[in-house]
Amino acid sequence: RMREKHLQGFSDDEAIETSMREIFPVISAGA
């Protein structure tokens, strides 16, 4: 997801922050 955001033009910090925010609920639900 971070790589996907980076390819969309996000900076490294933005890609990490956005990915964490979007993926955290999914990962938590899976756990």
PDB file of all heavy atoms in Angstrom:
ATOM      1  N   ARG A   1       0.830  -1.196   0.000  1.00  0.00           N
ATOM      2  CA  ARG A   1       0.000   0.000   0.000  1.00  0.00           C
ATOM      3  C   ARG A   1       0.878   1.265   0.000  1.00  0.00           C
ATOM      4  O   ARG A   1       0.562   2.248  -0.679  1.00  0.00           O
ATOM      5  CB  ARG A   1      -0.936  -0.007   1.208  1.00  0.00           C
ATOM      6  CG  ARG A   1      -1.831   1.225   1.325  1.00  0.00           C
ATOM      7  CD  ARG A   1      -2.660   1.430   0.052  1.00  0.00           C
ATOM      8  NE  ARG A   1      -3.576   0.338  -0.184  1.00  0.00           N
ATOM      9  CZ  ARG A   1      -4.823   0.315   0.265  1.00  0.00           C
ATOM     10  NH1 ARG A   1      -5.304   1.341   0.938  1.00  0.00           N
ATOM     11  NH2 ARG A   1      -5.602  -0.717   0.008  1.00  0.00           N
ATOM     12  N   MET A   2       1.978   1.238   0.766  1.00  0.00           N
ATOM     13  CA  MET A   2       2.898   2.375   0.766  1.00  0.00           C
ATOM     14  C   MET A   2       3.497   2.591  -0.624  1.00  0.00           C
ATOM     15  O   MET A   2       3.608   3.725  -1.091  1.00  0.00           O
ATOM     16  CB  MET A   2       4.026   2.141   1.777  1.00  0.00           C
ATOM     17  CG  MET A   2       3.587   2.163   3.214  1.00  0.00           C
ATOM     18  SD  MET A   2       4.972   1.808   4.325  1.00  0.00           S
ATOM     19  CE  MET A   2       4.150   1.857   5.922  1.00  0.00           C
ATOM     20  N   ARG A   3       3.869   1.508  -1.283  1.00  0.00           N
ATOM     21  CA  ARG A   3       4.437   1.610  -2.630  1.00  0.00           C
ATOM     22  C   ARG A   3       3.401   2.169  -3.599  1.00  0.00           C
ATOM     23  O   ARG A   3       3.713   2.984  -4.471  1.00  0.00           O
ATOM     24  CB  ARG A   3       4.916   0.232  -3.092  1.00  0.00           C
ATOM     25  CG  ARG A   3       5.560   0.228  -4.467  1.00  0.00           C
ATOM     26  CD  ARG A   3       6.137  -1.146  -4.768  1.00  0.00           C
ATOM     27  NE  ARG A   3       6.766  -1.168  -6.090  1.00  0.00           N
ATOM     28  CZ  ARG A   3       6.119  -1.448  -7.217  1.00  0.00           C
ATOM     29  NH1 ARG A   3       4.822  -1.722  -7.185  1.00  0.00           N
ATOM     30  NH2 ARG A   3       6.754  -1.447  -8.375  1.00  0.00           N
ATOM     31  N   GLU A   4       2.161   1.729  -3.440  1.00  0.00           N
ATOM     32  CA  GLU A   4       1.081   2.225  -4.296  1.00  0.00           C
ATOM     33  C   GLU A   4       0.894   3.729  -4.131  1.00  0.00           C
ATOM     34  O   GLU A   4       0.751   4.468  -5.125  1.00  0.00           O
ATOM     35  CB  GLU A   4      -0.212   1.488  -3.947  1.00  0.00           C
ATOM     36  CG  GLU A   4      -1.430   1.933  -4.733  1.00  0.00           C
ATOM     37  CD  GLU A   4      -2.693   1.236  -4.279  1.00  0.00           C
ATOM     38  OE1 GLU A   4      -2.597   0.135  -3.726  1.00  0.00           O
ATOM     39  OE2 GLU A   4      -3.785   1.813  -4.471  1.00  0.00           O
ATOM     40  N   LYS A   5       0.903   4.201  -2.884  1.00  0.00           N
ATOM     41  CA  LYS A   5       0.757   5.636  -2.632  1.00  0.00           C
ATOM     42  C   LYS A   5       1.948   6.422  -3.181  1.00  0.00           C
ATOM     43  O   LYS A   5       1.792   7.535  -3.711  1.00  0.00           O
ATOM     44  CB  LYS A   5       0.623   5.886  -1.127  1.00  0.00           C
ATOM     45  CG  LYS A   5      -0.661   5.334  -0.516  1.00  0.00           C
ATOM     46  CD  LYS A   5      -1.893   6.014  -1.101  1.00  0.00           C
ATOM     47  CE  LYS A   5      -3.168   5.487  -0.459  1.00  0.00           C
ATOM     48  NZ  LYS A   5      -4.376   6.108  -1.062  1.00  0.00           N
ATOM     49  N   HIS A   6       3.135   5.851  -3.059  1.00  0.00           N
ATOM     50  CA  HIS A   6       4.324   6.521  -3.565  1.00  0.00           C
ATOM     51  C   HIS A   6       4.257   6.670  -5.081  1.00  0.00           C
ATOM     52  O   HIS A   6       4.640   7.720  -5.643  1.00  0.00           O
ATOM     53  CB  HIS A   6       5.572   5.730  -3.163  1.00  0.00           C
ATOM     54  CG  HIS A   6       6.856   6.383  -3.575  1.00  0.00           C
ATOM     55  ND1 HIS A   6       7.353   7.503  -2.946  1.00  0.00           N
ATOM     56  CD2 HIS A   6       7.746   6.081  -4.565  1.00  0.00           C
ATOM     57  CE1 HIS A   6       8.487   7.867  -3.508  1.00  0.00           C
ATOM     58  NE2 HIS A   6       8.748   7.018  -4.501  1.00  0.00           N
ATOM     59  N   LEU A   7       3.764   5.646  -5.765  1.00  0.00           N
ATOM     60  CA  LEU A   7       3.635   5.713  -7.225  1.00  0.00           C
ATOM     61  C   LEU A   7       2.553   6.701  -7.651  1.00  0.00           C
ATOM     62  O   LEU A   7       2.579   7.202  -8.788  1.00  0.00           O
ATOM     63  CB  LEU A   7       3.316   4.321  -7.790  1.00  0.00           C
ATOM     64  CG  LEU A   7       4.426   3.267  -7.659  1.00  0.00           C
ATOM     65  CD1 LEU A   7       3.953   1.914  -8.181  1.00  0.00           C
ATOM     66  CD2 LEU A   7       5.686   3.714  -8.399  1.00  0.00           C
ATOM     67  N   GLN A   8       1.626   6.977  -6.737  1.00  0.00           N
ATOM     68  CA  GLN A   8       0.576   7.949  -7.035  1.00  0.00           C
ATOM     69  C   GLN A   8       1.058   9.385  -6.858  1.00  0.00           C
ATOM     70  O   GLN A   8       0.298  10.327  -7.109  1.00  0.00           O
ATOM     71  CB  GLN A   8      -0.643   7.700  -6.150  1.00  0.00           C
ATOM     72  CG  GLN A   8      -1.402   6.421  -6.475  1.00  0.00           C
ATOM     73  CD  GLN A   8      -2.542   6.151  -5.525  1.00  0.00           C
ATOM     74  OE1 GLN A   8      -2.767   6.915  -4.569  1.00  0.00           O
ATOM     75  NE2 GLN A   8      -3.281   5.077  -5.765  1.00  0.00           N
ATOM     76  N   GLY A   9       2.289   9.566  -6.396  1.00  0.00           N
ATOM     77  CA  GLY A   9       2.852  10.904  -6.264  1.00  0.00           C
ATOM     78  C   GLY A   9       3.008  11.387  -4.842  1.00  0.00           C
ATOM     79  O   GLY A   9       3.472  12.515  -4.628  1.00  0.00           O
ATOM     80  N   PHE A  10       2.649  10.586  -3.865  1.00  0.00           N
ATOM     81  CA  PHE A  10       2.819  10.981  -2.467  1.00  0.00           C
ATOM     82  C   PHE A  10       4.296  10.958  -2.105  1.00  0.00           C
ATOM     83  O   PHE A  10       5.070  10.153  -2.630  1.00  0.00           O
ATOM     84  CB  PHE A  10       2.059  10.022  -1.539  1.00  0.00           C
ATOM     85  CG  PHE A  10       0.563  10.170  -1.577  1.00  0.00           C
ATOM     86  CD1 PHE A  10      -0.192   9.600  -2.597  1.00  0.00           C
ATOM     87  CD2 PHE A  10      -0.107  10.885  -0.590  1.00  0.00           C
ATOM     88  CE1 PHE A  10      -1.562   9.730  -2.638  1.00  0.00           C
ATOM     89  CE2 PHE A  10      -1.480  11.016  -0.616  1.00  0.00           C
ATOM     90  CZ  PHE A  10      -2.212  10.441  -1.647  1.00  0.00           C
ATOM     91  N   SER A  11       4.685  11.853  -1.197  1.00  0.00           N
ATOM     92  CA  SER A  11       6.049  11.809  -0.676  1.00  0.00           C
ATOM     93  C   SER A  11       6.196  10.590   0.235  1.00  0.00           C
ATOM     94  O   SER A  11       5.208   9.935   0.575  1.00  0.00           O
ATOM     95  CB  SER A  11       6.362  13.089   0.108  1.00  0.00           C
ATOM     96  OG  SER A  11       5.545  13.177   1.276  1.00  0.00           O
ATOM     97  N   ASP A  12       7.428  10.288   0.644  1.00  0.00           N
ATOM     98  CA  ASP A  12       7.657   9.114   1.489  1.00  0.00           C
ATOM     99  C   ASP A  12       6.866   9.213   2.793  1.00  0.00           C
ATOM    100  O   ASP A  12       6.205   8.250   3.208  1.00  0.00           O
ATOM    101  CB  ASP A  12       9.148   8.962   1.786  1.00  0.00           C
ATOM    102  CG  ASP A  12       9.941   8.587   0.542  1.00  0.00           C
ATOM    103  OD1 ASP A  12       9.309   8.160  -0.448  1.00  0.00           O
ATOM    104  OD2 ASP A  12      11.177   8.723   0.561  1.00  0.00           O
ATOM    105  N   ASP A  13       6.949  10.363   3.453  1.00  0.00           N
ATOM    106  CA  ASP A  13       6.244  10.540   4.731  1.00  0.00           C
ATOM    107  C   ASP A  13       4.732  10.471   4.544  1.00  0.00           C
ATOM    108  O   ASP A  13       4.022   9.848   5.347  1.00  0.00           O
ATOM    109  CB  ASP A  13       6.625  11.881   5.366  1.00  0.00           C
ATOM    110  CG  ASP A  13       8.075  11.911   5.823  1.00  0.00           C
ATOM    111  OD1 ASP A  13       8.648  10.810   6.023  1.00  0.00           O
ATOM    112  OD2 ASP A  13       8.628  13.010   5.978  1.00  0.00           O
ATOM    113  N   GLU A  14       4.242  11.087   3.485  1.00  0.00           N
ATOM    114  CA  GLU A  14       2.806  11.070   3.222  1.00  0.00           C
ATOM    115  C   GLU A  14       2.320   9.657   2.878  1.00  0.00           C
ATOM    116  O   GLU A  14       1.236   9.240   3.305  1.00  0.00           O
ATOM    117  CB  GLU A  14       2.469  12.022   2.076  1.00  0.00           C
ATOM    118  CG  GLU A  14       2.623  13.498   2.417  1.00  0.00           C
ATOM    119  CD  GLU A  14       2.410  14.387   1.206  1.00  0.00           C
ATOM    120  OE1 GLU A  14       2.515  13.877   0.061  1.00  0.00           O
ATOM    121  OE2 GLU A  14       2.138  15.588   1.395  1.00  0.00           O
ATOM    122  N   ALA A  15       3.129   8.913   2.122  1.00  0.00           N
ATOM    123  CA  ALA A  15       2.759   7.548   1.749  1.00  0.00           C
ATOM    124  C   ALA A  15       2.668   6.656   2.986  1.00  0.00           C
ATOM    125  O   ALA A  15       1.729   5.861   3.128  1.00  0.00           O
ATOM    126  CB  ALA A  15       3.781   6.974   0.768  1.00  0.00           C
ATOM    127  N   ILE A  16       3.627   6.832   3.890  1.00  0.00           N
ATOM    128  CA  ILE A  16       3.619   6.033   5.120  1.00  0.00           C
ATOM    129  C   ILE A  16       2.424   6.402   6.002  1.00  0.00           C
ATOM    130  O   ILE A  16       1.697   5.525   6.486  1.00  0.00           O
ATOM    131  CB  ILE A  16       4.943   6.233   5.887  1.00  0.00           C
ATOM    132  CG1 ILE A  16       6.115   5.659   5.098  1.00  0.00           C
ATOM    133  CG2 ILE A  16       4.869   5.579   7.266  1.00  0.00           C
ATOM    134  CD1 ILE A  16       7.467   5.940   5.696  1.00  0.00           C
ATOM    135  N   GLU A  17       2.225   7.689   6.200  1.00  0.00           N
ATOM    136  CA  GLU A  17       1.137   8.150   7.066  1.00  0.00           C
ATOM    137  C   GLU A  17      -0.228   7.745   6.518  1.00  0.00           C
ATOM    138  O   GLU A  17      -1.086   7.231   7.253  1.00  0.00           O
ATOM    139  CB  GLU A  17       1.218   9.663   7.214  1.00  0.00           C
ATOM    140  CG  GLU A  17       0.150  10.248   8.132  1.00  0.00           C
ATOM    141  CD  GLU A  17       0.248  11.756   8.246  1.00  0.00           C
ATOM    142  OE1 GLU A  17       1.244  12.328   7.746  1.00  0.00           O
ATOM    143  OE2 GLU A  17      -0.671  12.363   8.824  1.00  0.00           O
ATOM    144  N   THR A  18      -0.434   7.957   5.227  1.00  0.00           N
ATOM    145  CA  THR A  18      -1.721   7.625   4.613  1.00  0.00           C
ATOM    146  C   THR A  18      -1.972   6.117   4.635  1.00  0.00           C
ATOM    147  O   THR A  18      -3.081   5.658   4.931  1.00  0.00           O
ATOM    148  CB  THR A  18      -1.768   8.131   3.160  1.00  0.00           C
ATOM    149  OG1 THR A  18      -1.493   9.525   3.131  1.00  0.00           O
ATOM    150  CG2 THR A  18      -3.136   7.882   2.554  1.00  0.00           C
ATOM    151  N   SER A  19      -0.949   5.350   4.323  1.00  0.00           N
ATOM    152  CA  SER A  19      -1.090   3.888   4.310  1.00  0.00           C
ATOM    153  C   SER A  19      -1.396   3.350   5.691  1.00  0.00           C
ATOM    154  O   SER A  19      -2.262   2.469   5.847  1.00  0.00           O
ATOM    155  CB  SER A  19       0.192   3.250   3.766  1.00  0.00           C
ATOM    156  OG  SER A  19       0.461   3.682   2.454  1.00  0.00           O
ATOM    157  N   MET A  20      -0.712   3.858   6.702  1.00  0.00           N
ATOM    158  CA  MET A  20      -0.961   3.420   8.074  1.00  0.00           C
ATOM    159  C   MET A  20      -2.396   3.730   8.482  1.00  0.00           C
ATOM    160  O   MET A  20      -3.069   2.909   9.112  1.00  0.00           O
ATOM    161  CB  MET A  20       0.017   4.097   9.029  1.00  0.00           C
ATOM    162  CG  MET A  20       1.450   3.597   8.894  1.00  0.00           C
ATOM    163  SD  MET A  20       1.654   1.909   9.497  1.00  0.00           S
ATOM    164  CE  MET A  20       1.458   2.198  11.258  1.00  0.00           C
ATOM    165  N   ARG A  21      -2.855   4.914   8.110  1.00  0.00           N
ATOM    166  CA  ARG A  21      -4.212   5.327   8.486  1.00  0.00           C
ATOM    167  C   ARG A  21      -5.269   4.469   7.783  1.00  0.00           C
ATOM    168  O   ARG A  21      -6.284   4.107   8.373  1.00  0.00           O
ATOM    169  CB  ARG A  21      -4.406   6.802   8.165  1.00  0.00           C
ATOM    170  CG  ARG A  21      -5.749   7.359   8.642  1.00  0.00           C
ATOM    171  CD  ARG A  21      -5.839   8.872   8.494  1.00  0.00           C
ATOM    172  NE  ARG A  21      -5.677   9.300   7.111  1.00  0.00           N
ATOM    173  CZ  ARG A  21      -4.607   9.928   6.651  1.00  0.00           C
ATOM    174  NH1 ARG A  21      -3.592  10.196   7.464  1.00  0.00           N
ATOM    175  NH2 ARG A  21      -4.522  10.293   5.376  1.00  0.00           N
ATOM    176  N   GLU A  22      -5.028   4.134   6.525  1.00  0.00           N
ATOM    177  CA  GLU A  22      -6.006   3.368   5.769  1.00  0.00           C
ATOM    178  C   GLU A  22      -5.955   1.873   6.087  1.00  0.00           C
ATOM    179  O   GLU A  22      -6.992   1.205   6.098  1.00  0.00           O
ATOM    180  CB  GLU A  22      -5.770   3.578   4.267  1.00  0.00           C
ATOM    181  CG  GLU A  22      -6.046   5.002   3.800  1.00  0.00           C
ATOM    182  CD  GLU A  22      -5.783   5.163   2.315  1.00  0.00           C
ATOM    183  OE1 GLU A  22      -5.313   4.187   1.684  1.00  0.00           O
ATOM    184  OE2 GLU A  22      -6.048   6.262   1.779  1.00  0.00           O
ATOM    185  N   ILE A  23      -4.763   1.343   6.332  1.00  0.00           N
ATOM    186  CA  ILE A  23      -4.593  -0.095   6.496  1.00  0.00           C
ATOM    187  C   ILE A  23      -4.798  -0.550   7.940  1.00  0.00           C
ATOM    188  O   ILE A  23      -5.197  -1.697   8.186  1.00  0.00           O
ATOM    189  CB  ILE A  23      -3.183  -0.515   6.004  1.00  0.00           C
ATOM    190  CG1 ILE A  23      -3.088  -0.298   4.496  1.00  0.00           C
ATOM    191  CG2 ILE A  23      -2.889  -1.955   6.325  1.00  0.00           C
ATOM    192  CD1 ILE A  23      -4.059  -1.128   3.702  1.00  0.00           C
ATOM    193  N   PHE A  24      -4.553   0.336   8.901  1.00  0.00           N
ATOM    194  CA  PHE A  24      -4.635  -0.062  10.314  1.00  0.00           C
ATOM    195  C   PHE A  24      -5.966  -0.729  10.668  1.00  0.00           C
ATOM    196  O   PHE A  24      -5.972  -1.779  11.324  1.00  0.00           O
ATOM    197  CB  PHE A  24      -4.377   1.145  11.221  1.00  0.00           C
ATOM    198  CG  PHE A  24      -4.414   0.817  12.681  1.00  0.00           C
ATOM    199  CD1 PHE A  24      -3.349   0.158  13.290  1.00  0.00           C
ATOM    200  CD2 PHE A  24      -5.522   1.143  13.468  1.00  0.00           C
ATOM    201  CE1 PHE A  24      -3.385  -0.160  14.639  1.00  0.00           C
ATOM    202  CE2 PHE A  24      -5.557   0.826  14.803  1.00  0.00           C
ATOM    203  CZ  PHE A  24      -4.485   0.170  15.392  1.00  0.00           C
ATOM    204  N   PRO A  25      -7.121  -0.162  10.278  1.00  0.00           N
ATOM    205  CA  PRO A  25      -8.390  -0.840  10.621  1.00  0.00           C
ATOM    206  C   PRO A  25      -8.516  -2.230   9.990  1.00  0.00           C
ATOM    207  O   PRO A  25      -9.049  -3.151  10.619  1.00  0.00           O
ATOM    208  CB  PRO A  25      -9.451   0.118  10.071  1.00  0.00           C
ATOM    209  CG  PRO A  25      -8.775   1.437   9.984  1.00  0.00           C
ATOM    210  CD  PRO A  25      -7.365   1.139   9.623  1.00  0.00           C
ATOM    211  N   VAL A  26      -8.004  -2.364   8.763  1.00  0.00           N
ATOM    212  CA  VAL A  26      -8.092  -3.656   8.075  1.00  0.00           C
ATOM    213  C   VAL A  26      -7.221  -4.705   8.768  1.00  0.00           C
ATOM    214  O   VAL A  26      -7.647  -5.844   9.010  1.00  0.00           O
ATOM    215  CB  VAL A  26      -7.659  -3.507   6.604  1.00  0.00           C
ATOM    216  CG1 VAL A  26      -7.732  -4.850   5.883  1.00  0.00           C
ATOM    217  CG2 VAL A  26      -8.530  -2.480   5.899  1.00  0.00           C
ATOM    218  N   ILE A  27      -5.987  -4.313   9.104  1.00  0.00           N
ATOM    219  CA  ILE A  27      -5.075  -5.232   9.781  1.00  0.00           C
ATOM    220  C   ILE A  27      -5.611  -5.597  11.161  1.00  0.00           C
ATOM    221  O   ILE A  27      -5.560  -6.761  11.579  1.00  0.00           O
ATOM    222  CB  ILE A  27      -3.670  -4.610   9.889  1.00  0.00           C
ATOM    223  CG1 ILE A  27      -3.039  -4.480   8.496  1.00  0.00           C
ATOM    224  CG2 ILE A  27      -2.774  -5.439  10.799  1.00  0.00           C
ATOM    225  CD1 ILE A  27      -1.661  -3.865   8.493  1.00  0.00           C
ATOM    226  N   SER A  28      -6.144  -4.615  11.879  1.00  0.00           N
ATOM    227  CA  SER A  28      -6.703  -4.876  13.211  1.00  0.00           C
ATOM    228  C   SER A  28      -7.879  -5.835  13.125  1.00  0.00           C
ATOM    229  O   SER A  28      -8.004  -6.762  13.940  1.00  0.00           O
ATOM    230  CB  SER A  28      -7.139  -3.563  13.864  1.00  0.00           C
ATOM    231  OG  SER A  28      -6.039  -2.685  14.016  1.00  0.00           O
ATOM    232  N   ALA A  29      -8.756  -5.625  12.129  1.00  0.00           N
ATOM    233  CA  ALA A  29      -9.909  -6.512  11.961  1.00  0.00           C
ATOM    234  C   ALA A  29      -9.461  -7.929  11.621  1.00  0.00           C
ATOM    235  O   ALA A  29     -10.027  -8.915  12.122  1.00  0.00           O
ATOM    236  CB  ALA A  29     -10.824  -5.976  10.861  1.00  0.00           C
ATOM    237  N   GLY A  30      -8.425  -8.030  10.775  1.00  0.00           N
ATOM    238  CA  GLY A  30      -7.889  -9.347  10.440  1.00  0.00           C
ATOM    239  C   GLY A  30      -7.301 -10.052  11.648  1.00  0.00           C
ATOM    240  O   GLY A  30      -7.498 -11.258  11.834  1.00  0.00           O
ATOM    241  N   ALA A  31      -6.579  -9.288  12.485  1.00  0.00           N
ATOM    242  CA  ALA A  31      -5.992  -9.870  13.697  1.00  0.00           C
ATOM    243  C   ALA A  31      -7.074 -10.355  14.653  1.00  0.00           C
ATOM    244  O   ALA A  31      -6.967 -11.443  15.236  1.00  0.00           O
ATOM    245  CB  ALA A  31      -5.099  -8.833  14.380  1.00  0.00           C
TER     246      ALA A  31
END
